Amino acid sequence: MAMNSSLHQLPLSRRSVIQAGSVGLLGLSLPQLSLLEAKTPPAKKKAKSVIYIFLSGGLSQIDSFDMKPEGSTKYRGPFKPIKTKTDGIQICEHLPLLAQQSNHWAICRSLTHPFNEHSQGHMVMLSGRSDLPPGFNLNKPKPTDWPSITSIAKEQLATQQSLLPVVALPEKIIHRTGRTIPGQFGGVMGAHSDPWFLEVSRFDGNSYGAFPEYNFHHQKGKLARPQKGFQAPQLELPQGLSRNRFKRRLEVLNSIKNQQEHLRKQKSVAGYERYYQLAVDLLSDQKTREAFDLSKVPEEKLKRYGKNSFGWSLLMARQLVEAGVRLVQVNLGNNETWDTHVNAFHNLKNFLFPPTDQAVSALLEDLVQSDLLEDTLVVMAGEFGRTPRIFSIGKGNPPGRDHWGPVQTVWFAGGGVRGGTVIGSSDKDGGLPKDDPQKPENFASTIYEALGIPRSAHWNQVGGRPHPVYRAEPIPGLL
């Protein structure tokens, strides 16, 4: 089948048909392909889905959704606020499309936690816990880490009727040094609780994953070598494979057994049968397969989301939600792209805000037009905010802002969110919560509530005691 011509421009490569024994080409480890066992059922018969957009590196609250135009020049930055569709709410001039959709979104300007380091911030915002786990390591995930929100949701939502309750895309969050950032995995719940990482945007050490065609980190912003591209997987049965379910399972089993050497190299293999079963179910469910395929999406829609991996990741997230996936985490910014220490305003204006504004606003429009917005909560946050004070690193470098855990703005839309709402506020400099402070625990509970996970639910530590899913109330006044 020929691809849409616009898919070649990124470039977007359609890999060869994925047969049962090569599902690992999606970047999945075997534990992530374990059969989804039935756990605590959702409280609602028709619980909502969630798309969690994670801005790795840390979005500057003062330069985006919590501007301080009357503040000192040491703090406020060069950007101007603009009116939104909601009276009394202003946001950055470089987010004009989102400004016109404020009736669909709300913001919390007072989320706070105590950490200013990237790995620590990732842990607390991806796990929904303000305390670090015992023995936490900044440089690598550990089996003693707290489980991620995605892992807890996976356990709670897994049913025989939901093949893929949780997906994370377009890749794991990886630092430019090659280390994998902790906080994304099952931790003490076990590797089988890791979310399904659908790795469709390849990180080559010089490009920025889900970010478009630019590369900068503590730099002045420059055009980078092209990234390896967004590789939308095509999940289809091998040519000539029988449609009879029993025979298909035998073919899948034989196909996998032919790759025993590859499978033996994988660590922590917890039973091949679960891997076989999920592979079979994925390949046999047409709606799920089609959700991963962007080749049939009209070119106009592809352009509307933006010709970059992030835009198309959000488009894929929207399709997955429609296909029944309950929680999709979209990582915008591998290698901590939003870490704007140097030349922050040039980079935000030209490289970061435009694709974000375009893609997120397109997602909202698409969800509205598809009647999916009320059933889909979209959240957007990073690991922390940025310092209120502008500073420069080194002589002659353009200014930026440092890491800042004490306050950030988090963004919500759909899923019953009261559009045009502002929860909490920061002080005059945008550095500390002024009123109604919220914590990562409140943030995580908001996601669990939208998913319909009951307040009485618990997750189970491997070989240990159960832990409550909810560690705080959902953010009040939001839903």
Protein backbone atom coordinates (compact mmCIF):
# COMPACT_ATOMS: atom_id res chain seq x y z
CA MET A 1 0.00 0.00 0.00
CA ALA A 2 1.40 3.38 -0.92
CA MET A 3 1.91 5.92 1.84
CA ASN A 4 0.43 9.35 1.90
CA SER A 5 3.02 11.59 0.27
CA SER A 6 3.27 13.90 3.26
CA LEU A 7 4.45 11.02 5.42
CA HIS A 8 7.66 10.83 3.42
CA GLN A 9 8.61 14.40 4.23
CA LEU A 10 9.59 13.85 7.89
CA PRO A 11 10.71 11.18 6.74
CA LEU A 12 8.12 8.68 7.95
CA SER A 13 9.21 5.13 7.21
CA ARG A 14 6.66 2.34 7.20
CA ARG A 15 8.46 -0.70 8.42
CA SER A 16 7.88 -4.10 7.02
CA VAL A 17 4.81 -5.95 8.17
CA ILE A 18 5.24 -6.92 11.81
CA GLN A 19 4.76 -10.63 12.24
CA ALA A 20 4.04 -12.24 15.56
CA GLY A 21 7.61 -13.09 16.36
CA SER A 22 8.87 -9.57 15.72
CA VAL A 23 6.49 -7.48 17.78
CA GLY A 24 9.65 -6.42 19.60
CA LEU A 25 10.43 -4.11 16.68
CA LEU A 26 8.02 -1.73 18.38
CA GLY A 27 10.57 -1.29 21.13
CA LEU A 28 8.71 -3.44 23.65
CA SER A 29 10.32 -5.67 26.21
CA LEU A 30 8.68 -9.01 26.90
CA PRO A 31 7.40 -8.04 30.34
CA GLN A 32 5.60 -5.11 28.71
CA LEU A 33 3.75 -7.60 26.52
CA SER A 34 2.40 -9.60 29.42
CA LEU A 35 -1.24 -10.53 29.37
CA LEU A 36 -3.39 -7.89 31.04
CA GLU A 37 -4.90 -9.64 34.04
CA ALA A 38 -8.27 -8.58 35.46
CA LYS A 39 -7.83 -6.35 38.50
CA THR A 40 -10.06 -3.87 40.30
CA PRO A 41 -12.83 -2.91 37.84
CA PRO A 42 -13.58 0.75 37.11
CA ALA A 43 -16.32 2.29 39.19
CA LYS A 44 -18.08 3.64 36.12
CA LYS A 45 -19.50 1.62 33.29
CA LYS A 46 -18.18 4.13 30.81
CA ALA A 47 -15.07 5.57 32.38
CA LYS A 48 -13.16 8.29 30.61
CA SER A 49 -9.81 7.97 28.85
CA VAL A 50 -6.80 10.17 29.51
CA ILE A 51 -4.03 11.59 27.32
CA TYR A 52 -1.09 12.71 29.47
CA ILE A 53 1.22 15.07 27.58
CA PHE A 54 4.55 15.21 29.39
CA LEU A 55 6.90 18.14 28.70
CA SER A 56 10.28 16.74 29.65
CA GLY A 57 12.67 19.49 30.73
CA GLY A 58 10.17 21.78 32.42
CA LEU A 59 7.80 24.37 30.91
CA SER A 60 8.28 27.95 32.06
CA GLN A 61 5.04 28.94 33.76
CA ILE A 62 5.85 32.65 33.56
CA ASP A 63 6.37 32.50 29.79
CA SER A 64 3.28 30.42 29.01
CA PHE A 65 0.14 30.18 31.17
CA ASP A 66 1.00 32.32 34.23
CA MET A 67 2.52 35.49 32.86
CA LYS A 68 3.49 38.41 35.08
CA PRO A 69 3.30 41.47 32.78
CA GLU A 70 3.44 43.89 35.71
CA GLY A 71 6.48 42.24 37.27
CA SER A 72 10.07 43.41 37.33
CA THR A 73 12.14 43.09 34.16
CA LYS A 74 14.27 40.61 36.11
CA TYR A 75 11.33 38.23 36.09
CA ARG A 76 8.66 38.85 33.48
CA GLY A 77 10.52 38.12 30.23
CA PRO A 78 9.92 39.67 26.79
CA PHE A 79 6.67 37.90 25.83
CA LYS A 80 3.35 39.71 25.90
CA PRO A 81 0.09 38.27 27.23
CA ILE A 82 -2.91 37.98 24.93
CA LYS A 83 -6.59 37.59 25.68
CA THR A 84 -8.17 34.18 25.44
CA LYS A 85 -11.74 33.27 24.61
CA THR A 86 -12.44 33.44 28.35
CA ASP A 87 -12.71 36.86 29.96
CA GLY A 88 -9.99 37.44 32.53
CA ILE A 89 -7.61 34.71 31.34
CA GLN A 90 -4.49 35.70 29.42
CA ILE A 91 -1.69 33.49 28.13
CA CYS A 92 1.45 33.91 26.03
CA GLU A 93 1.19 35.62 22.66
CA HIS A 94 2.95 32.63 21.09
CA LEU A 95 0.08 30.29 21.97
CA PRO A 96 -2.66 31.97 19.90
CA LEU A 97 -4.49 28.80 18.83
CA LEU A 98 -4.87 27.56 22.38
CA ALA A 99 -6.00 31.04 23.43
CA GLN A 100 -8.99 30.66 21.12
CA GLN A 101 -10.00 27.38 22.77
CA SER A 102 -9.88 28.40 26.44
CA ASN A 103 -13.55 27.43 26.77
CA HIS A 104 -12.34 23.83 26.56
CA TRP A 105 -9.38 23.96 28.95
CA ALA A 106 -8.50 24.85 32.54
CA ILE A 107 -5.21 25.52 34.32
CA CYS A 108 -3.87 25.03 37.80
CA ARG A 109 -1.24 27.67 38.54
CA SER A 110 -0.23 26.37 41.96
CA LEU A 111 1.14 22.83 41.62
CA THR A 112 4.20 22.45 43.83
CA HIS A 113 6.85 19.93 44.87
CA PRO A 114 10.29 20.31 46.52
CA PHE A 115 12.66 19.13 43.76
CA ASN A 116 14.73 21.10 41.26
CA GLU A 117 16.62 18.20 39.67
CA HIS A 118 15.37 16.53 36.47
CA SER A 119 15.31 12.89 37.57
CA GLN A 120 13.71 13.76 40.88
CA GLY A 121 11.12 15.90 39.13
CA HIS A 122 10.36 13.15 36.63
CA MET A 123 9.89 10.68 39.46
CA VAL A 124 7.39 12.78 41.39
CA MET A 125 5.38 13.99 38.38
CA LEU A 126 5.27 10.60 36.64
CA SER A 127 4.48 8.68 39.84
CA GLY A 128 2.22 11.25 41.49
CA ARG A 129 4.18 11.13 44.75
CA SER A 130 6.06 14.03 46.36
CA ASP A 131 8.40 11.75 48.32
CA LEU A 132 11.31 10.01 46.65
CA PRO A 133 11.52 6.21 46.97
CA PRO A 134 14.18 4.68 49.26
CA GLY A 135 17.53 4.36 47.52
CA PHE A 136 16.46 6.55 44.60
CA ASN A 137 19.12 6.80 41.89
CA LEU A 138 19.24 9.86 39.65
CA ASN A 139 20.93 7.97 36.84
CA LYS A 140 18.86 4.83 36.38
CA PRO A 141 15.49 3.27 37.15
CA LYS A 142 15.46 0.79 40.04
CA PRO A 143 13.03 -1.96 41.04
CA THR A 144 12.56 -0.08 44.33
CA ASP A 145 11.17 3.04 42.61
CA TRP A 146 7.57 4.09 43.04
CA PRO A 147 5.36 2.87 40.19
CA SER A 148 4.39 5.38 37.54
CA ILE A 149 0.84 6.66 37.11
CA THR A 150 0.74 4.65 33.89
CA SER A 151 1.75 1.45 35.69
CA ILE A 152 -0.86 1.86 38.41
CA ALA A 153 -3.51 2.63 35.79
CA LYS A 154 -2.45 -0.41 33.77
CA GLU A 155 -3.00 -2.71 36.73
CA GLN A 156 -6.33 -1.14 37.64
CA LEU A 157 -7.74 -1.03 34.11
CA ALA A 158 -6.55 -4.35 32.74
CA THR A 159 -9.47 -6.48 31.56
CA GLN A 160 -9.98 -9.13 28.93
CA GLN A 161 -11.99 -6.57 26.97
CA SER A 162 -9.16 -4.00 26.90
CA LEU A 163 -6.16 -5.30 24.99
CA LEU A 164 -4.08 -2.21 25.64
CA PRO A 165 -5.29 -0.19 28.62
CA VAL A 166 -2.11 1.93 28.71
CA VAL A 167 0.36 3.03 26.02
CA ALA A 168 3.34 5.41 26.27
CA LEU A 169 4.70 6.94 23.06
CA PRO A 170 6.59 7.90 20.95
CA GLU A 171 9.51 6.61 23.06
CA LYS A 172 10.95 6.29 26.54
CA ILE A 173 12.36 9.49 28.05
CA ILE A 174 16.11 9.25 27.57
CA HIS A 175 18.81 11.76 28.47
CA ARG A 176 21.26 12.87 25.80
CA THR A 177 23.97 10.86 27.60
CA GLY A 178 21.94 7.72 26.90
CA ARG A 179 20.66 7.09 30.43
CA THR A 180 17.00 6.25 30.84
CA ILE A 181 15.18 8.65 33.16
CA PRO A 182 13.60 6.95 36.21
CA GLY A 183 9.94 7.33 37.09
CA GLN A 184 8.43 5.83 33.94
CA PHE A 185 8.17 2.21 35.03
CA GLY A 186 6.48 -0.29 37.33
CA GLY A 187 9.15 -0.11 40.06
CA VAL A 188 8.06 -1.99 43.17
CA MET A 189 5.01 -3.31 41.32
CA GLY A 190 7.32 -5.32 39.08
CA ALA A 191 8.47 -5.04 35.49
CA HIS A 192 5.28 -6.69 34.26
CA SER A 193 3.50 -3.45 35.26
CA ASP A 194 5.62 -1.26 32.97
CA PRO A 195 3.45 0.62 30.50
CA TRP A 196 3.58 -0.50 26.90
CA PHE A 197 6.20 1.74 25.32
CA LEU A 198 5.40 2.13 21.65
CA GLU A 199 8.73 3.39 20.33
CA VAL A 200 7.89 5.03 17.03
CA SER A 201 10.23 8.03 17.19
CA ARG A 202 13.88 7.08 17.18
CA PHE A 203 16.45 8.93 19.26
CA ASP A 204 19.87 9.03 17.63
CA GLY A 205 21.80 11.09 20.20
CA ASN A 206 21.63 14.31 18.20
CA SER A 207 17.93 14.81 17.66
CA TYR A 208 15.21 15.34 20.17
CA GLY A 209 12.78 12.54 19.75
CA ALA A 210 9.25 13.88 19.88
CA PHE A 211 10.49 17.39 19.20
CA PRO A 212 10.52 18.57 15.55
CA GLU A 213 13.62 18.95 13.39
CA TYR A 214 15.63 21.10 15.79
CA ASN A 215 18.29 20.32 18.37
CA PHE A 216 19.29 22.52 21.25
CA HIS A 217 20.11 22.01 24.88
CA HIS A 218 21.91 24.81 26.68
CA GLN A 219 22.63 26.09 23.17
CA LYS A 220 21.56 28.98 20.98
CA GLY A 221 19.15 26.93 18.92
CA LYS A 222 20.16 25.52 15.56
CA LEU A 223 18.95 23.20 12.86
CA ALA A 224 20.05 19.71 13.72
CA ARG A 225 20.76 16.71 11.59
CA PRO A 226 17.44 15.08 10.72
CA GLN A 227 16.18 12.68 13.31
CA LYS A 228 15.50 9.11 12.35
CA GLY A 229 11.85 9.93 11.99
CA PHE A 230 8.43 8.91 13.12
CA GLN A 231 7.90 5.25 12.33
CA ALA A 232 4.24 4.36 12.55
CA PRO A 233 3.95 0.59 13.07
CA GLN A 234 1.77 -1.50 10.83
CA LEU A 235 0.23 -4.37 12.74
CA GLU A 236 -1.01 -6.98 10.29
CA LEU A 237 -1.16 -10.73 10.07
CA PRO A 238 1.66 -12.36 8.09
CA GLN A 239 0.80 -12.94 4.48
CA GLY A 240 -1.18 -16.12 3.99
CA LEU A 241 -1.94 -16.56 7.70
CA SER A 242 -5.35 -18.15 8.25
CA ARG A 243 -8.11 -16.06 9.75
CA ASN A 244 -9.24 -18.97 11.80
CA ARG A 245 -8.42 -17.97 15.38
CA PHE A 246 -7.14 -21.38 16.48
CA LYS A 247 -4.94 -21.80 13.44
CA ARG A 248 -3.71 -18.21 13.79
CA ARG A 249 -2.61 -18.90 17.34
CA LEU A 250 -0.66 -21.94 16.16
CA GLU A 251 1.02 -19.87 13.45
CA VAL A 252 1.87 -17.14 15.94
CA LEU A 253 3.28 -19.68 18.35
CA ASN A 254 5.43 -21.29 15.66
CA SER A 255 6.60 -17.90 14.41
CA ILE A 256 7.77 -16.93 17.89
CA LYS A 257 9.41 -20.28 18.54
CA ASN A 258 11.48 -19.74 15.40
CA GLN A 259 13.03 -16.76 17.16
CA GLN A 260 14.00 -18.56 20.37
CA GLU A 261 17.52 -17.16 20.26
CA HIS A 262 16.20 -13.60 20.27
CA LEU A 263 13.80 -14.36 23.09
CA ARG A 264 16.50 -15.97 25.24
CA LYS A 265 18.43 -12.71 25.19
CA GLN A 266 15.56 -10.90 26.87
CA LYS A 267 15.74 -10.66 30.63
CA SER A 268 12.91 -11.16 33.10
CA VAL A 269 10.81 -13.29 30.77
CA ALA A 270 7.76 -14.15 32.86
CA GLY A 271 6.11 -16.81 30.75
CA TYR A 272 5.98 -16.89 26.96
CA GLU A 273 2.30 -17.79 26.89
CA ARG A 274 1.21 -14.31 27.96
CA TYR A 275 3.39 -12.81 25.23
CA TYR A 276 1.87 -15.12 22.65
CA GLN A 277 -1.67 -14.29 23.72
CA LEU A 278 -1.25 -10.53 23.55
CA ALA A 279 0.52 -10.78 20.19
CA VAL A 280 -2.37 -12.81 18.85
CA ASP A 281 -4.98 -10.43 20.20
CA LEU A 282 -3.19 -7.38 18.81
CA LEU A 283 -2.92 -8.89 15.39
CA SER A 284 -6.52 -10.07 15.37
CA ASP A 285 -8.17 -6.83 16.47
CA GLN A 286 -8.62 -4.66 13.39
CA LYS A 287 -9.64 -1.50 15.26
CA THR A 288 -6.54 -1.60 17.42
CA ARG A 289 -4.25 -2.26 14.44
CA GLU A 290 -5.71 0.64 12.49
CA ALA A 291 -5.20 3.03 15.41
CA PHE A 292 -1.44 2.66 14.94
CA ASP A 293 -1.62 3.45 11.23
CA LEU A 294 -1.37 7.08 10.07
CA SER A 295 -1.06 6.26 6.38
CA LYS A 296 -4.82 6.46 5.90
CA VAL A 297 -5.19 9.79 7.68
CA PRO A 298 -6.07 12.61 5.25
CA GLU A 299 -3.12 14.84 4.44
CA GLU A 300 -5.02 17.90 5.64
CA LYS A 301 -5.32 16.42 9.13
CA LEU A 302 -1.64 15.43 9.21
CA LYS A 303 -0.69 18.99 8.37
CA ARG A 304 -3.11 20.38 10.93
CA TYR A 305 -1.38 18.46 13.72
CA GLY A 306 2.04 19.52 12.40
CA LYS A 307 4.71 17.75 10.41
CA ASN A 308 6.71 16.48 13.35
CA SER A 309 6.81 13.50 15.65
CA PHE A 310 4.99 15.27 18.47
CA GLY A 311 2.06 16.30 16.32
CA TRP A 312 1.69 12.84 14.87
CA SER A 313 2.13 11.29 18.32
CA LEU A 314 -0.89 13.27 19.51
CA LEU A 315 -2.78 12.19 16.42
CA MET A 316 -1.94 8.57 17.17
CA ALA A 317 -2.95 9.10 20.80
CA ARG A 318 -6.33 10.36 19.66
CA GLN A 319 -6.80 7.30 17.45
CA LEU A 320 -5.76 4.95 20.25
CA VAL A 321 -8.27 6.53 22.62
CA GLU A 322 -11.00 6.06 20.04
CA ALA A 323 -9.92 2.41 19.68
CA GLY A 324 -10.36 1.86 23.41
CA VAL A 325 -6.95 2.56 24.96
CA ARG A 326 -7.66 4.10 28.34
CA LEU A 327 -4.46 6.05 29.08
CA VAL A 328 -1.93 7.32 26.55
CA GLN A 329 1.19 9.16 27.72
CA VAL A 330 2.78 11.30 25.01
CA ASN A 331 6.35 12.36 25.79
CA LEU A 332 7.04 15.72 24.20
CA GLY A 333 10.71 16.35 24.50
CA ASN A 334 13.20 13.56 24.76
CA ASN A 335 16.55 14.65 26.15
CA GLU A 336 14.76 17.25 28.32
CA THR A 337 13.93 19.49 25.38
CA TRP A 338 12.08 22.04 27.53
CA ASP A 339 15.17 22.65 29.67
CA THR A 340 15.58 26.26 28.53
CA HIS A 341 18.63 27.45 30.44
CA VAL A 342 20.11 29.32 27.50
CA ASN A 343 18.41 31.45 24.86
CA ALA A 344 15.06 30.50 26.35
CA PHE A 345 12.95 33.14 24.64
CA HIS A 346 14.29 32.58 21.15
CA ASN A 347 13.86 28.84 21.49
CA LEU A 348 10.39 29.02 23.03
CA LYS A 349 9.18 31.50 20.42
CA ASN A 350 10.57 29.75 17.36
CA PHE A 351 10.98 26.08 18.17
CA LEU A 352 8.88 24.99 21.15
CA PHE A 353 5.67 26.98 21.38
CA PRO A 354 4.64 26.84 17.68
CA PRO A 355 4.49 23.02 17.34
CA THR A 356 2.95 22.67 20.79
CA ASP A 357 0.27 25.27 20.09
CA GLN A 358 -0.52 23.71 16.73
CA ALA A 359 -0.62 20.08 17.82
CA VAL A 360 -2.48 20.48 21.11
CA SER A 361 -5.07 22.80 19.58
CA ALA A 362 -5.54 20.36 16.69
CA LEU A 363 -6.08 17.57 19.21
CA LEU A 364 -8.76 19.59 20.98
CA GLU A 365 -10.51 20.42 17.70
CA ASP A 366 -10.37 16.79 16.64
CA LEU A 367 -11.77 15.52 19.94
CA VAL A 368 -14.60 18.05 19.77
CA GLN A 369 -15.49 17.18 16.19
CA SER A 370 -15.37 13.45 16.98
CA ASP A 371 -17.54 13.83 20.12
CA LEU A 372 -14.69 12.39 22.18
CA LEU A 373 -13.73 15.41 24.29
CA GLU A 374 -16.22 14.79 27.09
CA ASP A 375 -14.93 11.24 27.44
CA THR A 376 -11.24 12.15 27.17
CA LEU A 377 -9.27 14.08 29.78
CA VAL A 378 -6.15 15.71 28.32
CA VAL A 379 -3.49 16.83 30.81
CA MET A 380 -0.19 18.59 30.16
CA ALA A 381 2.65 19.04 32.64
CA GLY A 382 6.41 18.81 33.00
CA GLU A 383 8.65 17.69 35.84
CA PHE A 384 8.77 21.25 37.24
CA GLY A 385 8.48 24.91 36.27
CA ARG A 386 11.26 27.43 35.70
CA THR A 387 12.82 30.02 37.99
CA PRO A 388 11.04 33.38 38.13
CA ARG A 389 14.36 35.18 37.83
CA ILE A 390 16.03 35.36 34.41
CA PHE A 391 19.74 34.57 34.38
CA SER A 392 22.64 33.73 32.06
CA ILE A 393 24.99 30.75 32.12
CA GLY A 394 28.50 31.80 31.16
CA LYS A 395 29.74 34.94 29.52
CA GLY A 396 27.90 36.03 26.38
CA ASN A 397 25.18 33.36 26.46
CA PRO A 398 21.59 34.53 25.87
CA PRO A 399 19.50 34.36 29.06
CA GLY A 400 17.15 31.64 30.24
CA ARG A 401 15.57 30.20 33.39
CA ASP A 402 16.71 27.44 35.74
CA HIS A 403 14.82 24.41 37.16
CA TRP A 404 12.07 25.25 39.65
CA GLY A 405 9.97 22.73 41.58
CA PRO A 406 8.17 25.14 43.96
CA VAL A 407 5.54 26.06 41.38
CA GLN A 408 4.40 25.16 37.88
CA THR A 409 1.24 25.49 35.82
CA VAL A 410 -0.48 22.29 34.74
CA TRP A 411 -3.09 22.25 31.97
CA PHE A 412 -6.30 20.23 31.62
CA ALA A 413 -8.98 19.85 28.96
CA GLY A 414 -12.02 17.67 28.26
CA GLY A 415 -13.16 14.77 30.39
CA GLY A 416 -15.65 16.90 32.29
CA VAL A 417 -13.17 19.72 32.98
CA ARG A 418 -14.88 23.07 33.47
CA GLY A 419 -13.42 25.09 30.62
CA GLY A 420 -12.20 28.61 31.28
CA THR A 421 -11.28 27.76 34.89
CA VAL A 422 -8.16 28.80 36.80
CA ILE A 423 -7.29 26.84 39.94
CA GLY A 424 -4.91 28.48 42.42
CA SER A 425 -2.40 31.23 41.78
CA SER A 426 1.27 32.02 42.22
CA ASP A 427 2.80 35.03 43.94
CA LYS A 428 3.65 38.29 42.17
CA ASP A 429 6.93 36.92 40.80
CA GLY A 430 5.55 33.52 39.78
CA GLY A 431 7.86 31.67 42.14
CA LEU A 432 5.64 30.24 44.89
CA PRO A 433 1.99 29.21 45.26
CA LYS A 434 -0.07 32.10 46.60
CA ASP A 435 -3.27 30.20 47.23
CA ASP A 436 -4.78 26.74 46.78
CA PRO A 437 -1.49 24.82 46.43
CA GLN A 438 -1.77 21.39 44.81
CA LYS A 439 0.70 18.51 44.89
CA PRO A 440 1.61 15.69 42.49
CA GLU A 441 -0.69 13.48 44.59
CA ASN A 442 -3.67 15.71 43.71
CA PHE A 443 -2.60 15.70 40.07
CA ALA A 444 -2.40 11.89 39.94
CA SER A 445 -5.74 11.50 41.71
CA THR A 446 -7.35 13.72 39.09
CA ILE A 447 -6.19 11.28 36.42
CA TYR A 448 -7.36 8.24 38.38
CA GLU A 449 -10.74 9.87 38.99
CA ALA A 450 -11.19 10.60 35.29
CA LEU A 451 -10.37 6.97 34.50
CA GLY A 452 -13.09 5.81 36.85
CA ILE A 453 -10.74 4.02 39.26
CA PRO A 454 -12.61 3.62 42.58
CA ARG A 455 -11.39 5.46 45.66
CA SER A 456 -11.02 2.16 47.49
CA ALA A 457 -8.55 0.74 44.94
CA HIS A 458 -5.09 -0.50 45.92
CA TRP A 459 -2.03 -1.55 43.97
CA ASN A 460 0.18 -4.40 45.12
CA GLN A 461 3.90 -4.29 45.73
CA VAL A 462 5.78 -7.40 44.62
CA GLY A 463 6.06 -9.64 47.66
CA GLY A 464 4.77 -6.86 49.89
CA ARG A 465 1.77 -4.99 51.15
CA PRO A 466 -0.99 -3.25 49.17
CA HIS A 467 -0.83 0.52 48.68
CA PRO A 468 -3.76 2.90 48.13
CA VAL A 469 -4.08 4.27 44.60
CA TYR A 470 -5.37 7.61 45.87
CA ARG A 471 -2.96 9.49 48.13
CA ALA A 472 -4.89 12.78 48.00
CA GLU A 473 -8.11 14.28 46.70
CA PRO A 474 -8.37 15.18 43.00
CA ILE A 475 -7.74 18.86 42.28
CA PRO A 476 -10.93 20.55 43.56
CA GLY A 477 -13.04 22.65 41.23
CA LEU A 478 -11.57 21.11 38.09
CA LEU A 479 -13.95 18.28 37.20
